[in-house]
N, C-alpha and C. Protein backbone atom coordinates (compact mmCIF):
# COMPACT_ATOMS: atom_id res chain seq x y z
N MET A 1 66.50 128.40 150.96
CA MET A 1 66.83 128.05 149.69
C MET A 1 66.95 126.48 149.89
N LEU A 2 66.46 125.28 148.28
CA LEU A 2 65.99 124.20 148.82
C LEU A 2 67.01 123.55 148.22
N GLU A 3 67.71 123.06 148.17
CA GLU A 3 68.49 122.19 147.05
C GLU A 3 68.20 120.60 147.13
N VAL A 4 68.23 120.11 146.34
CA VAL A 4 67.79 118.91 145.48
C VAL A 4 69.20 118.41 144.89
N ASP A 5 69.25 117.04 145.27
CA ASP A 5 70.11 116.77 145.13
C ASP A 5 70.46 116.27 143.27
N GLY A 6 71.29 116.83 142.33
CA GLY A 6 71.28 116.25 141.05
C GLY A 6 69.34 117.17 140.81
N GLY A 7 69.12 117.73 141.36
CA GLY A 7 67.48 118.72 141.10
C GLY A 7 68.00 119.91 141.60
N PRO A 8 67.49 120.71 141.47
CA PRO A 8 66.62 122.54 141.36
C PRO A 8 67.96 123.35 142.51
N ARG A 9 68.17 124.52 142.48
CA ARG A 9 67.87 125.33 143.21
C ARG A 9 67.06 126.79 143.58
N VAL A 10 65.98 125.80 144.45
CA VAL A 10 64.85 126.58 144.87
C VAL A 10 64.63 127.32 146.12
N LEU A 11 64.67 128.77 145.36
CA LEU A 11 65.11 129.64 146.46
C LEU A 11 63.19 130.28 146.90
N ILE A 12 62.87 130.33 148.36
CA ILE A 12 61.79 131.40 148.97
C ILE A 12 62.38 132.62 149.03
N ASP A 13 61.18 133.36 148.02
CA ASP A 13 61.63 135.03 147.73
C ASP A 13 62.46 135.18 147.82
N THR A 14 63.32 137.09 147.60
CA THR A 14 63.90 137.89 147.75
C THR A 14 64.07 138.83 148.66
N THR A 15 64.49 137.88 149.42
CA THR A 15 64.50 139.36 151.19
C THR A 15 65.72 140.26 150.72
N PRO A 16 65.41 141.80 151.32
CA PRO A 16 66.65 143.11 150.79
C PRO A 16 68.20 142.49 151.41
N ASP A 17 68.61 141.52 152.48
CA ASP A 17 70.22 141.41 151.91
C ASP A 17 70.28 139.73 150.87
N LEU A 18 70.00 139.60 149.98
CA LEU A 18 69.87 138.50 149.14
C LEU A 18 71.20 138.34 149.03
N ARG A 19 71.78 139.50 148.19
CA ARG A 19 72.92 139.94 148.09
C ARG A 19 73.74 138.73 148.83
N GLN A 20 73.93 139.59 150.57
CA GLN A 20 75.03 139.34 151.92
C GLN A 20 75.19 138.34 151.57
N GLN A 21 73.51 137.80 151.43
CA GLN A 21 73.21 136.36 151.99
C GLN A 21 73.65 135.28 151.03
N ALA A 22 73.80 134.73 149.76
CA ALA A 22 73.59 134.85 148.93
C ALA A 22 75.20 134.43 149.19
N LEU A 23 76.27 135.52 149.54
CA LEU A 23 78.08 135.49 149.59
C LEU A 23 77.86 134.55 150.07
N ARG A 24 77.90 135.00 151.84
CA ARG A 24 77.39 134.18 153.16
C ARG A 24 77.96 133.19 152.43
N HIS A 25 76.91 131.69 152.10
CA HIS A 25 76.16 130.24 151.97
C HIS A 25 77.08 130.57 150.33
N GLY A 26 78.06 131.20 149.45
CA GLY A 26 77.79 130.36 148.05
C GLY A 26 76.94 129.71 147.12
N LEU A 27 76.52 130.88 147.52
CA LEU A 27 75.11 130.71 146.46
C LEU A 27 75.10 131.47 145.23
N SER A 28 75.73 130.46 144.10
CA SER A 28 76.44 130.79 142.61
C SER A 28 75.09 130.83 141.32
N GLU A 29 73.83 129.86 141.97
CA GLU A 29 73.21 129.42 140.28
C GLU A 29 71.51 129.45 141.62
N VAL A 30 70.39 130.05 141.25
CA VAL A 30 68.94 129.51 141.23
C VAL A 30 68.30 129.19 139.84
N ASP A 31 67.85 127.90 140.15
CA ASP A 31 67.20 128.07 139.28
C ASP A 31 65.25 127.31 138.96
N ALA A 32 64.54 129.10 140.21
CA ALA A 32 63.55 129.62 140.48
C ALA A 32 63.62 130.13 141.74
N VAL A 33 62.34 131.08 141.56
CA VAL A 33 62.44 131.64 142.95
C VAL A 33 60.50 131.55 143.08
N LEU A 34 59.80 130.43 144.60
CA LEU A 34 58.81 131.19 144.69
C LEU A 34 58.51 132.10 145.88
N TYR A 35 57.49 133.06 145.72
CA TYR A 35 57.55 134.06 146.52
C TYR A 35 55.32 133.40 147.44
N THR A 36 56.39 134.07 148.57
CA THR A 36 54.91 133.50 149.45
C THR A 36 53.72 135.07 149.64
N HIS A 37 55.06 135.86 149.67
CA HIS A 37 53.63 137.40 149.83
C HIS A 37 54.25 138.29 149.28
N ALA A 38 54.05 139.50 148.79
CA ALA A 38 54.97 140.94 148.27
C ALA A 38 55.13 141.63 149.91
N HIS A 39 54.97 141.56 150.33
CA HIS A 39 56.08 142.83 152.03
C HIS A 39 57.71 142.59 151.58
N ALA A 40 57.72 144.27 152.18
CA ALA A 40 58.55 144.35 151.38
C ALA A 40 59.65 143.48 151.88
N ASP A 41 60.52 142.60 152.82
CA ASP A 41 61.28 141.95 153.61
C ASP A 41 61.35 140.71 152.81
N HIS A 42 60.63 140.43 152.03
CA HIS A 42 60.10 139.24 151.09
C HIS A 42 60.21 138.95 149.12
N ILE A 43 60.49 140.92 149.25
CA ILE A 43 60.40 141.01 147.41
C ILE A 43 61.34 141.99 147.11
N LEU A 44 62.32 142.35 148.53
CA LEU A 44 62.71 144.41 147.60
C LEU A 44 64.46 143.35 147.17
N GLY A 45 64.92 142.14 147.12
CA GLY A 45 65.79 141.88 147.22
C GLY A 45 66.06 141.40 145.08
N LEU A 46 64.79 141.21 144.68
CA LEU A 46 64.36 140.80 143.02
C LEU A 46 65.32 141.26 142.61
N ASP A 47 65.76 142.41 142.99
CA ASP A 47 66.46 143.15 141.67
C ASP A 47 68.20 142.32 141.21
N ASP A 48 68.50 141.96 142.45
CA ASP A 48 69.53 140.30 142.57
C ASP A 48 69.98 139.83 141.81
N LEU A 49 67.84 138.98 141.51
CA LEU A 49 68.14 138.10 140.74
C LEU A 49 68.69 138.30 139.15
N ARG A 50 69.80 139.62 138.82
CA ARG A 50 69.99 140.11 137.25
C ARG A 50 71.80 138.76 137.77
N ARG A 51 72.17 138.77 138.55
CA ARG A 51 73.49 137.96 138.43
C ARG A 51 73.09 136.20 138.28
N PHE A 52 71.97 136.03 138.87
CA PHE A 52 71.19 134.74 138.26
C PHE A 52 71.16 134.63 136.99
N ASN A 53 71.15 135.41 136.16
CA ASN A 53 70.72 134.84 134.93
C ASN A 53 71.86 135.82 133.57
N LEU A 54 72.53 135.92 134.59
CA LEU A 54 73.95 135.57 133.77
C LEU A 54 74.63 134.19 133.98
N GLU A 55 74.34 133.85 135.51
CA GLU A 55 74.57 132.02 135.56
C GLU A 55 74.66 131.35 134.31
N ARG A 56 72.36 131.55 134.62
CA ARG A 56 71.57 130.59 134.05
C ARG A 56 71.73 130.99 132.06
N GLY A 57 72.52 132.09 131.78
CA GLY A 57 71.75 132.92 130.48
C GLY A 57 70.60 132.89 130.12
N GLY A 58 70.21 132.80 130.78
CA GLY A 58 67.98 133.61 130.37
C GLY A 58 67.67 133.92 132.05
N PRO A 59 66.47 134.37 131.74
CA PRO A 59 65.51 134.36 133.07
C PRO A 59 65.37 133.37 133.53
N VAL A 60 64.84 133.51 135.20
CA VAL A 60 64.92 132.99 136.51
C VAL A 60 63.12 133.26 136.50
N PRO A 61 62.90 131.67 136.87
CA PRO A 61 61.81 131.43 136.58
C PRO A 61 60.77 131.49 137.86
N CYS A 62 60.12 132.56 138.31
CA CYS A 62 59.16 133.02 139.54
C CYS A 62 58.13 133.13 139.31
N TYR A 63 57.62 132.60 140.93
CA TYR A 63 55.83 131.46 140.80
C TYR A 63 56.06 132.62 141.94
N ALA A 64 53.83 132.89 141.96
CA ALA A 64 53.59 133.67 142.19
C ALA A 64 51.61 134.55 142.39
N THR A 65 51.33 134.42 143.11
CA THR A 65 49.95 134.23 143.11
C THR A 65 49.75 135.94 141.86
N ALA A 66 48.29 135.91 142.12
CA ALA A 66 48.89 136.84 140.69
C ALA A 66 48.81 138.41 141.92
N GLU A 67 48.31 138.40 143.31
CA GLU A 67 48.37 139.59 143.99
C GLU A 67 49.55 140.11 144.59
N THR A 68 50.63 138.76 144.58
CA THR A 68 51.67 138.94 144.98
C THR A 68 52.80 139.88 143.04
N TRP A 69 51.65 139.05 142.82
CA TRP A 69 52.68 139.56 141.10
C TRP A 69 51.90 140.88 140.43
N GLU A 70 51.08 141.73 141.05
CA GLU A 70 50.16 142.76 141.31
C GLU A 70 51.36 144.03 141.74
N THR A 71 51.47 143.46 142.85
CA THR A 71 52.80 144.54 143.82
C THR A 71 54.19 143.93 142.99
N LEU A 72 54.56 142.86 142.85
CA LEU A 72 56.30 142.65 141.82
C LEU A 72 56.06 143.94 141.00
N HIS A 73 54.84 143.86 139.99
CA HIS A 73 54.92 145.13 138.62
C HIS A 73 55.31 146.81 138.89
N GLN A 74 54.03 146.92 140.29
CA GLN A 74 54.63 147.93 140.50
C GLN A 74 55.86 148.02 141.50
N THR A 75 56.31 147.41 141.92
CA THR A 75 57.24 147.92 142.50
C THR A 75 58.97 147.95 141.90
N PHE A 76 58.68 147.32 140.31
CA PHE A 76 59.50 147.32 140.58
C PHE A 76 59.30 146.92 138.76
N SER A 77 58.21 148.67 138.31
CA SER A 77 57.85 148.47 137.55
C SER A 77 59.30 148.58 135.82
N TYR A 78 60.01 149.01 135.93
CA TYR A 78 61.27 148.94 134.91
C TYR A 78 62.25 147.23 134.15
N ALA A 79 61.20 146.04 135.62
CA ALA A 79 61.87 145.09 134.97
C ALA A 79 60.68 144.27 134.66
N PHE A 80 59.61 145.12 134.00
CA PHE A 80 58.25 144.69 133.04
C PHE A 80 57.49 145.10 132.37
N ASP A 81 57.61 145.77 132.78
CA ASP A 81 57.03 147.41 131.67
C ASP A 81 57.34 147.25 129.74
N GLY A 82 59.03 146.21 129.84
CA GLY A 82 58.51 145.94 127.91
C GLY A 82 59.84 147.70 127.89
N VAL A 83 60.71 148.77 128.59
CA VAL A 83 60.62 149.96 127.73
C VAL A 83 62.04 149.97 127.90
N PRO A 84 62.86 149.35 126.63
CA PRO A 84 63.94 149.55 126.86
C PRO A 84 64.73 150.64 128.21
N ARG A 85 65.89 149.55 128.60
CA ARG A 85 67.33 150.91 129.71
C ARG A 85 68.21 150.69 128.99
N LEU A 86 68.73 151.06 128.61
CA LEU A 86 69.73 151.78 127.75
C LEU A 86 70.64 151.93 129.11
N GLY A 87 70.92 152.43 129.83
CA GLY A 87 71.63 152.00 131.10
C GLY A 87 71.77 150.17 130.98
N GLY A 88 70.80 148.41 130.88
CA GLY A 88 70.85 147.68 131.42
C GLY A 88 70.79 147.48 132.75
N GLY A 89 70.70 146.43 133.10
CA GLY A 89 70.87 146.69 134.59
C GLY A 89 69.37 146.19 135.13
N VAL A 90 69.03 145.31 134.27
CA VAL A 90 67.48 145.07 134.29
C VAL A 90 67.11 143.37 134.51
N PRO A 91 66.62 142.80 136.12
CA PRO A 91 66.17 141.51 136.35
C PRO A 91 65.87 141.49 135.30
N ARG A 92 65.52 139.79 134.42
CA ARG A 92 64.62 139.42 133.86
C ARG A 92 64.27 137.95 133.88
N ILE A 93 62.77 138.37 134.28
CA ILE A 93 62.55 137.06 135.01
C ILE A 93 60.80 136.40 133.91
N ALA A 94 61.47 135.02 134.14
CA ALA A 94 59.95 134.50 133.60
C ALA A 94 58.71 134.43 134.52
N LYS A 95 57.83 134.48 133.66
CA LYS A 95 56.69 134.71 135.42
C LYS A 95 55.96 133.43 135.53
N HIS A 96 55.45 132.84 136.28
CA HIS A 96 54.05 131.80 136.42
C HIS A 96 53.92 132.14 137.28
N LEU A 97 51.52 131.94 137.20
CA LEU A 97 51.17 132.62 138.07
C LEU A 97 50.94 131.24 138.70
N ILE A 98 50.93 131.49 140.41
CA ILE A 98 50.37 129.99 141.01
C ILE A 98 49.04 129.73 141.28
N ASP A 99 48.83 129.17 140.89
CA ASP A 99 46.95 128.31 141.07
C ASP A 99 46.11 127.59 141.85
N GLY A 100 47.33 127.00 141.94
CA GLY A 100 47.01 125.39 142.35
C GLY A 100 49.00 124.53 142.87
N PRO A 101 48.90 123.60 142.99
CA PRO A 101 49.90 122.43 142.57
C PRO A 101 50.76 122.45 141.37
N PHE A 102 52.47 122.43 141.76
CA PHE A 102 52.83 122.70 140.37
C PHE A 102 54.34 122.41 139.87
N VAL A 103 55.37 122.22 139.60
CA VAL A 103 56.44 121.69 139.64
C VAL A 103 57.48 122.70 139.05
N VAL A 104 58.43 122.60 139.37
CA VAL A 104 59.52 122.61 139.42
C VAL A 104 60.53 122.17 138.88
N ALA A 105 61.06 122.18 138.03
CA ALA A 105 62.10 121.35 136.66
C ALA A 105 61.80 119.86 138.20
N GLY A 106 61.42 119.40 137.94
CA GLY A 106 60.83 117.80 138.27
C GLY A 106 60.71 117.66 139.69
N LEU A 107 60.51 118.99 140.85
CA LEU A 107 60.41 119.32 142.16
C LEU A 107 58.65 119.45 142.32
N ARG A 108 57.90 119.21 142.92
CA ARG A 108 56.36 118.74 142.88
C ARG A 108 56.31 120.11 143.85
N VAL A 109 55.11 121.07 144.47
CA VAL A 109 54.72 122.07 144.81
C VAL A 109 53.63 121.93 145.75
N THR A 110 53.84 121.85 146.21
CA THR A 110 52.07 122.38 146.79
C THR A 110 51.97 123.92 147.28
N PRO A 111 51.18 124.54 146.99
CA PRO A 111 51.10 125.87 147.77
C PRO A 111 49.97 125.53 149.22
N VAL A 112 50.58 125.99 149.75
CA VAL A 112 49.16 126.17 151.13
C VAL A 112 49.09 127.38 151.89
N ALA A 113 47.74 127.69 151.65
CA ALA A 113 46.86 129.32 152.02
C ALA A 113 47.29 129.13 153.99
N LEU A 114 47.62 130.31 154.13
CA LEU A 114 48.33 130.98 154.80
C LEU A 114 47.29 132.91 155.31
N LEU A 115 47.44 132.70 156.75
CA LEU A 115 46.54 133.95 157.05
C LEU A 115 47.70 135.06 157.72
N HIS A 116 48.13 135.61 157.05
CA HIS A 116 48.57 137.03 158.01
C HIS A 116 47.95 138.14 157.90
N GLY A 117 47.54 137.84 159.00
CA GLY A 117 46.33 139.00 160.15
C GLY A 117 45.97 138.89 158.66
N ARG A 118 44.65 139.59 157.96
CA ARG A 118 43.99 139.47 156.66
C ARG A 118 44.22 139.69 155.34
N MET A 119 45.30 138.87 155.64
CA MET A 119 46.21 139.24 154.37
C MET A 119 46.57 137.26 154.24
N PRO A 120 45.78 137.14 152.99
CA PRO A 120 46.17 135.35 152.90
C PRO A 120 48.55 135.66 152.47
N VAL A 121 47.70 134.15 152.46
CA VAL A 121 49.24 133.98 151.82
C VAL A 121 49.49 133.32 151.11
N LEU A 122 50.92 132.67 151.35
CA LEU A 122 51.80 131.02 150.70
C LEU A 122 52.30 130.83 151.69
N GLY A 123 52.58 128.96 152.98
CA GLY A 123 53.10 128.87 152.47
C GLY A 123 53.61 127.36 151.48
N PHE A 124 54.58 126.61 151.13
CA PHE A 124 54.92 125.90 150.47
C PHE A 124 54.91 123.93 150.50
N ARG A 125 54.68 123.04 150.62
CA ARG A 125 55.35 121.65 150.71
C ARG A 125 55.43 121.12 150.00
N PHE A 126 56.63 120.85 150.43
CA PHE A 126 57.48 119.94 148.88
C PHE A 126 58.22 118.28 149.73
N GLY A 127 57.55 117.22 149.70
CA GLY A 127 57.37 116.10 149.86
C GLY A 127 57.38 115.25 151.44
N SER A 128 57.72 115.66 153.17
CA SER A 128 57.42 115.35 154.28
C SER A 128 58.10 116.28 154.81
N PHE A 129 58.20 117.96 153.98
CA PHE A 129 58.97 119.00 154.38
C PHE A 129 58.16 120.32 154.34
N VAL A 130 57.46 121.08 155.19
CA VAL A 130 56.09 122.06 154.65
C VAL A 130 57.12 123.40 155.45
N TYR A 131 56.91 124.69 154.80
CA TYR A 131 57.10 125.71 154.86
C TYR A 131 56.51 126.65 155.19
N LEU A 132 56.30 127.56 156.47
CA LEU A 132 54.78 128.61 156.93
C LEU A 132 55.88 129.10 157.21
N THR A 133 55.73 130.60 156.73
CA THR A 133 56.71 132.14 157.48
C THR A 133 55.61 132.56 157.46
N ASP A 134 54.93 134.17 157.74
CA ASP A 134 54.59 134.97 158.37
C ASP A 134 53.08 134.90 158.28
N CYS A 135 52.73 133.99 159.15
CA CYS A 135 50.91 133.58 159.50
C CYS A 135 50.76 133.29 160.97
N ASN A 136 49.52 133.66 160.49
CA ASN A 136 49.00 133.65 162.76
C ASN A 136 47.90 132.83 161.87
N ALA A 137 47.47 132.11 161.32
CA ALA A 137 46.51 131.61 160.72
C ALA A 137 46.15 130.39 160.41
N ILE A 138 46.37 129.29 160.06
CA ILE A 138 45.48 128.11 158.88
C ILE A 138 44.14 127.86 158.30
N PRO A 139 44.67 127.96 158.00
CA PRO A 139 42.72 127.91 157.58
C PRO A 139 42.37 126.77 157.53
N ALA A 140 41.29 126.30 157.72
CA ALA A 140 40.51 124.64 157.30
C ALA A 140 41.13 124.14 156.36
N GLU A 141 41.04 124.39 155.57
CA GLU A 141 41.12 124.26 153.98
C GLU A 141 42.42 123.63 153.60
N SER A 142 43.10 124.25 155.24
CA SER A 142 45.18 124.35 154.31
C SER A 142 45.63 122.39 155.57
N TRP A 143 44.41 122.14 156.32
CA TRP A 143 45.20 121.35 157.78
C TRP A 143 44.76 120.37 156.77
N PRO A 144 44.45 119.66 155.98
CA PRO A 144 44.84 118.08 154.98
C PRO A 144 45.67 118.73 153.87
N LEU A 145 46.42 119.33 153.46
CA LEU A 145 47.59 119.54 153.06
C LEU A 145 49.35 119.71 154.36
N LEU A 146 48.81 119.21 155.84
CA LEU A 146 49.26 119.05 156.04
C LEU A 146 49.71 117.65 157.12
N ALA A 147 48.46 116.84 156.10
CA ALA A 147 49.02 115.30 156.90
C ALA A 147 50.54 114.52 156.36
N GLY A 148 50.96 113.39 157.65
CA GLY A 148 51.60 113.32 157.88
C GLY A 148 53.95 114.17 157.28
N VAL A 149 53.63 115.64 157.73
CA VAL A 149 54.26 115.98 157.04
C VAL A 149 55.59 115.55 158.45
N ASP A 150 56.87 115.36 158.12
CA ASP A 150 58.13 115.19 158.82
C ASP A 150 58.88 116.41 159.51
N THR A 151 59.35 117.30 158.37
CA THR A 151 59.97 118.75 159.10
C THR A 151 58.50 119.88 158.85
N VAL A 152 58.80 120.70 159.28
CA VAL A 152 57.89 122.08 159.80
C VAL A 152 59.22 123.03 160.07
N ILE A 153 58.92 124.19 159.35
CA ILE A 153 59.27 125.39 160.03
C ILE A 153 58.43 126.58 160.35
N LEU A 154 57.82 127.12 161.13
CA LEU A 154 56.77 127.81 161.63
C LEU A 154 57.03 129.30 161.70
N ASP A 155 56.35 129.99 161.92
CA ASP A 155 56.24 131.31 162.15
C ASP A 155 55.90 131.33 163.59
N ALA A 156 56.79 131.84 164.94
CA ALA A 156 56.88 132.31 165.97
C ALA A 156 57.27 133.35 166.02
N LEU A 157 56.48 134.74 166.33
CA LEU A 157 57.17 135.47 166.66
C LEU A 157 57.63 136.27 168.54
N ARG A 158 56.84 135.93 169.18
CA ARG A 158 57.53 136.48 170.62
C ARG A 158 56.02 135.75 171.25
N GLU A 159 56.46 136.21 172.79
CA GLU A 159 55.79 135.45 173.79
C GLU A 159 54.26 136.36 173.33
N GLN A 160 54.91 137.77 173.61
CA GLN A 160 53.04 139.08 172.96
C GLN A 160 52.31 138.39 171.83
N PRO A 161 51.36 138.35 172.07
CA PRO A 161 49.85 138.92 171.20
C PRO A 161 50.45 139.82 170.28
N HIS A 162 50.09 138.71 168.92
CA HIS A 162 50.45 140.12 167.66
C HIS A 162 49.26 139.90 167.15
N THR A 163 49.57 140.69 165.98
CA THR A 163 47.86 140.10 164.91
C THR A 163 48.04 139.52 163.94
N THR A 164 49.80 139.78 163.35
CA THR A 164 49.72 139.44 162.45
C THR A 164 50.80 137.87 162.00
N HIS A 165 50.98 137.59 162.98
CA HIS A 165 52.71 136.64 163.69
C HIS A 165 51.81 135.79 164.31
N PHE A 166 52.19 134.11 164.50
CA PHE A 166 51.63 133.30 165.97
C PHE A 166 53.29 133.76 166.36
N THR A 167 52.16 133.65 168.16
CA THR A 167 53.23 133.99 169.43
C THR A 167 54.00 132.72 169.44
N LEU A 168 54.90 132.08 170.64
CA LEU A 168 55.38 131.45 170.29
C LEU A 168 54.50 129.82 170.77
N PRO A 169 53.59 130.80 172.00
CA PRO A 169 52.23 129.45 172.62
C PRO A 169 51.39 129.45 171.83
N GLU A 170 51.13 129.83 170.75
CA GLU A 170 50.12 129.91 169.37
C GLU A 170 50.95 128.59 168.33
N ALA A 171 52.19 129.13 168.34
CA ALA A 171 53.10 127.88 167.44
C ALA A 171 53.45 126.76 168.18
N LEU A 172 53.33 126.61 169.17
CA LEU A 172 54.00 125.78 169.71
C LEU A 172 52.63 124.55 169.39
N ALA A 173 51.38 125.61 170.12
CA ALA A 173 49.47 124.95 169.79
C ALA A 173 49.51 123.84 168.25
N THR A 174 50.46 124.95 167.50
CA THR A 174 50.19 124.54 165.70
C THR A 174 50.66 123.43 165.44
N ALA A 175 51.94 123.34 165.99
CA ALA A 175 53.05 122.59 165.67
C ALA A 175 52.59 121.00 166.35
N ALA A 176 52.32 121.11 167.77
CA ALA A 176 51.64 119.93 167.94
C ALA A 176 49.90 120.08 167.59
N ARG A 177 49.69 120.05 167.41
CA ARG A 177 48.18 119.62 166.24
C ARG A 177 49.18 119.36 164.85
N ILE A 178 49.88 119.92 164.14
CA ILE A 178 51.03 119.11 162.49
C ILE A 178 50.93 118.01 162.85
N GLY A 179 51.91 117.71 164.42
CA GLY A 179 52.20 116.30 164.59
C GLY A 179 54.49 115.84 163.34
N ALA A 180 54.78 117.38 163.15
CA ALA A 180 55.64 116.61 162.81
C ALA A 180 56.51 116.22 163.62
N ARG A 181 58.11 114.56 163.18
CA ARG A 181 58.80 114.99 164.14
C ARG A 181 59.71 115.79 164.60
N GLU A 182 59.71 116.83 163.69
CA GLU A 182 61.26 118.13 163.86
C GLU A 182 60.12 119.43 163.67
N THR A 183 60.64 120.63 164.01
CA THR A 183 59.63 121.61 163.94
C THR A 183 61.17 122.11 163.99
N VAL A 184 61.12 123.38 163.74
CA VAL A 184 61.05 124.66 163.26
C VAL A 184 61.43 125.59 163.94
N PHE A 185 61.89 126.93 164.41
CA PHE A 185 60.89 128.07 164.38
C PHE A 185 61.17 129.11 163.98
N THR A 186 60.80 130.16 162.80
CA THR A 186 60.76 131.30 162.26
C THR A 186 60.29 132.24 162.77
N HIS A 187 61.15 133.37 161.98
CA HIS A 187 60.79 134.36 162.07
C HIS A 187 60.71 134.81 164.41
N MET A 188 61.46 135.22 164.64
CA MET A 188 61.70 135.73 166.10
C MET A 188 61.67 137.15 165.98
N THR A 189 61.88 137.51 167.12
CA THR A 189 62.02 138.94 167.30
C THR A 189 63.07 138.97 168.26
N HIS A 190 63.98 139.62 168.53
CA HIS A 190 64.53 139.26 169.80
C HIS A 190 64.75 139.57 170.73
N ASP A 191 63.40 139.46 171.09
CA ASP A 191 62.44 139.19 173.28
C ASP A 191 62.95 137.53 173.05
N LEU A 192 62.72 136.66 172.39
CA LEU A 192 63.01 135.26 172.27
C LEU A 192 64.60 135.75 172.22
N GLY A 193 65.24 134.78 173.49
CA GLY A 193 66.61 134.25 173.64
C GLY A 193 66.49 132.99 173.64
N TYR A 194 67.48 133.07 172.69
CA TYR A 194 67.70 131.56 171.65
C TYR A 194 68.03 130.37 172.95
N ALA A 195 68.83 130.31 173.26
CA ALA A 195 69.28 129.19 174.42
C ALA A 195 68.12 128.85 174.94
N SER A 196 67.76 129.80 176.14
CA SER A 196 66.70 129.97 177.28
C SER A 196 65.52 129.34 176.53
N THR A 197 65.12 130.21 175.78
CA THR A 197 63.98 129.60 174.99
C THR A 197 63.55 128.17 173.78
N ASN A 198 64.99 127.33 173.77
CA ASN A 198 65.26 126.15 173.75
C ASN A 198 65.40 125.11 174.85
N ALA A 199 65.57 125.86 176.00
CA ALA A 199 65.60 124.53 176.59
C ALA A 199 64.71 124.20 177.29
N ARG A 200 63.24 126.17 177.02
CA ARG A 200 62.15 125.21 177.91
C ARG A 200 61.20 124.91 176.21
N LEU A 201 60.76 124.75 174.97
CA LEU A 201 60.60 123.71 174.39
C LEU A 201 60.39 122.57 174.43
N PRO A 202 59.44 121.79 173.42
CA PRO A 202 59.10 120.22 173.88
C PRO A 202 60.21 119.17 172.97
N GLU A 203 60.71 118.25 173.14
CA GLU A 203 61.67 117.08 172.32
C GLU A 203 60.58 117.48 170.93
N GLY A 204 62.20 117.37 169.84
CA GLY A 204 61.56 117.90 168.59
C GLY A 204 61.91 119.32 167.81
N MET A 205 61.36 119.86 168.71
CA MET A 205 60.87 121.57 168.61
C MET A 205 62.36 122.49 168.71
N ALA A 206 62.29 123.00 167.67
CA ALA A 206 63.32 124.53 168.57
C ALA A 206 63.50 125.34 167.21
N LEU A 207 64.29 126.99 167.74
CA LEU A 207 64.47 127.94 166.89
C LEU A 207 65.32 127.69 166.27
N ALA A 208 64.88 128.09 164.84
CA ALA A 208 66.30 128.55 163.99
C ALA A 208 67.46 128.98 163.95
N TYR A 209 68.56 128.98 162.68
CA TYR A 209 69.31 129.82 163.63
C TYR A 209 70.21 130.43 162.13
N ASP A 210 70.72 131.31 162.08
CA ASP A 210 71.35 131.21 160.90
C ASP A 210 72.22 131.20 160.26
N GLY A 211 72.09 130.42 159.03
CA GLY A 211 72.81 129.46 158.63
C GLY A 211 72.74 127.36 158.25
N GLN A 212 71.66 127.82 159.18
CA GLN A 212 71.28 126.41 159.18
C GLN A 212 70.85 125.80 158.18
N SER A 213 71.53 124.28 157.96
CA SER A 213 70.62 122.92 156.47
C SER A 213 70.45 122.18 157.36
N LEU A 214 69.18 121.66 156.90
CA LEU A 214 67.37 120.70 157.77
C LEU A 214 68.27 120.05 155.79
N GLU A 215 68.14 118.45 156.32
CA GLU A 215 67.25 116.70 155.32
C GLU A 215 67.11 116.83 155.60
N ILE A 216 65.55 116.66 154.59
CA ILE A 216 64.73 116.79 154.06
C ILE A 216 64.50 116.17 153.43
N GLN A 217 62.78 114.99 152.61
CA GLN A 217 62.38 114.55 151.72
C GLN A 217 61.49 114.97 150.70
N VAL A 218 62.04 115.16 149.46
CA VAL A 218 60.71 115.42 148.53
C VAL A 218 60.42 114.96 147.41
N ASP A 219 59.11 115.62 146.78
CA ASP A 219 58.43 114.72 145.99
C ASP A 219 59.17 114.86 144.53
N LEU A 220 59.85 114.29 143.76
CA LEU A 220 59.82 114.22 142.15
C LEU A 220 59.31 114.22 140.92
N GLU A 221 58.87 114.66 140.14
CA GLU A 221 58.65 113.56 138.76
C GLU A 221 59.84 113.04 138.88
N PRO A 222 59.52 111.89 137.49
CA PRO A 222 60.35 110.67 137.32
C PRO A 222 60.74 111.07 136.75
N ALA A 223 62.11 111.41 135.98
CA ALA A 223 62.93 111.79 135.30
C ALA A 223 61.99 111.50 133.52
């Protein structure tokens, strides 16, 4: 969740436990949703956007690639097929296609192409902050988009090799190449002990934890 002072609240992905997370962290408003990709653990909370429809008094703007929209349409056909549901309870979505940099309620967003195995997925850059989850490779054309990053959240699954996620050693090498002041690793398995792993990470790098909050700098359009 990205919350801009005096600006929008932008959610990245709608995870299956979105309702529980929203209740736990007092999340009452969402101004937009950005989707990284359409795997189940990143989209299955879409139906919970219904509550935010009530708070907004209208549809929630959602941004995704054409491939992700195709899966969302298949998975949540009742939200997109235009067929009236007499029982109600249909999330209202304002669709936006990601095909380059875009602006969400004044917030500048740069999509960053990544690979999740052989599947193209997206990371997102907001000013000096970049979010890169569910990936095991950064294509050559995406590296220039990471120049000057100050804070990065980066996939680091475990020590053992995996076909679709960075291992911790691979993530460390990637983080060193990015050269951010602060690197926070995410998407870990239970194989990485929190305290024991953090104790051996380089300065400025650490594993993420539930409920963590970071101060970042973003780019905003002039008011």
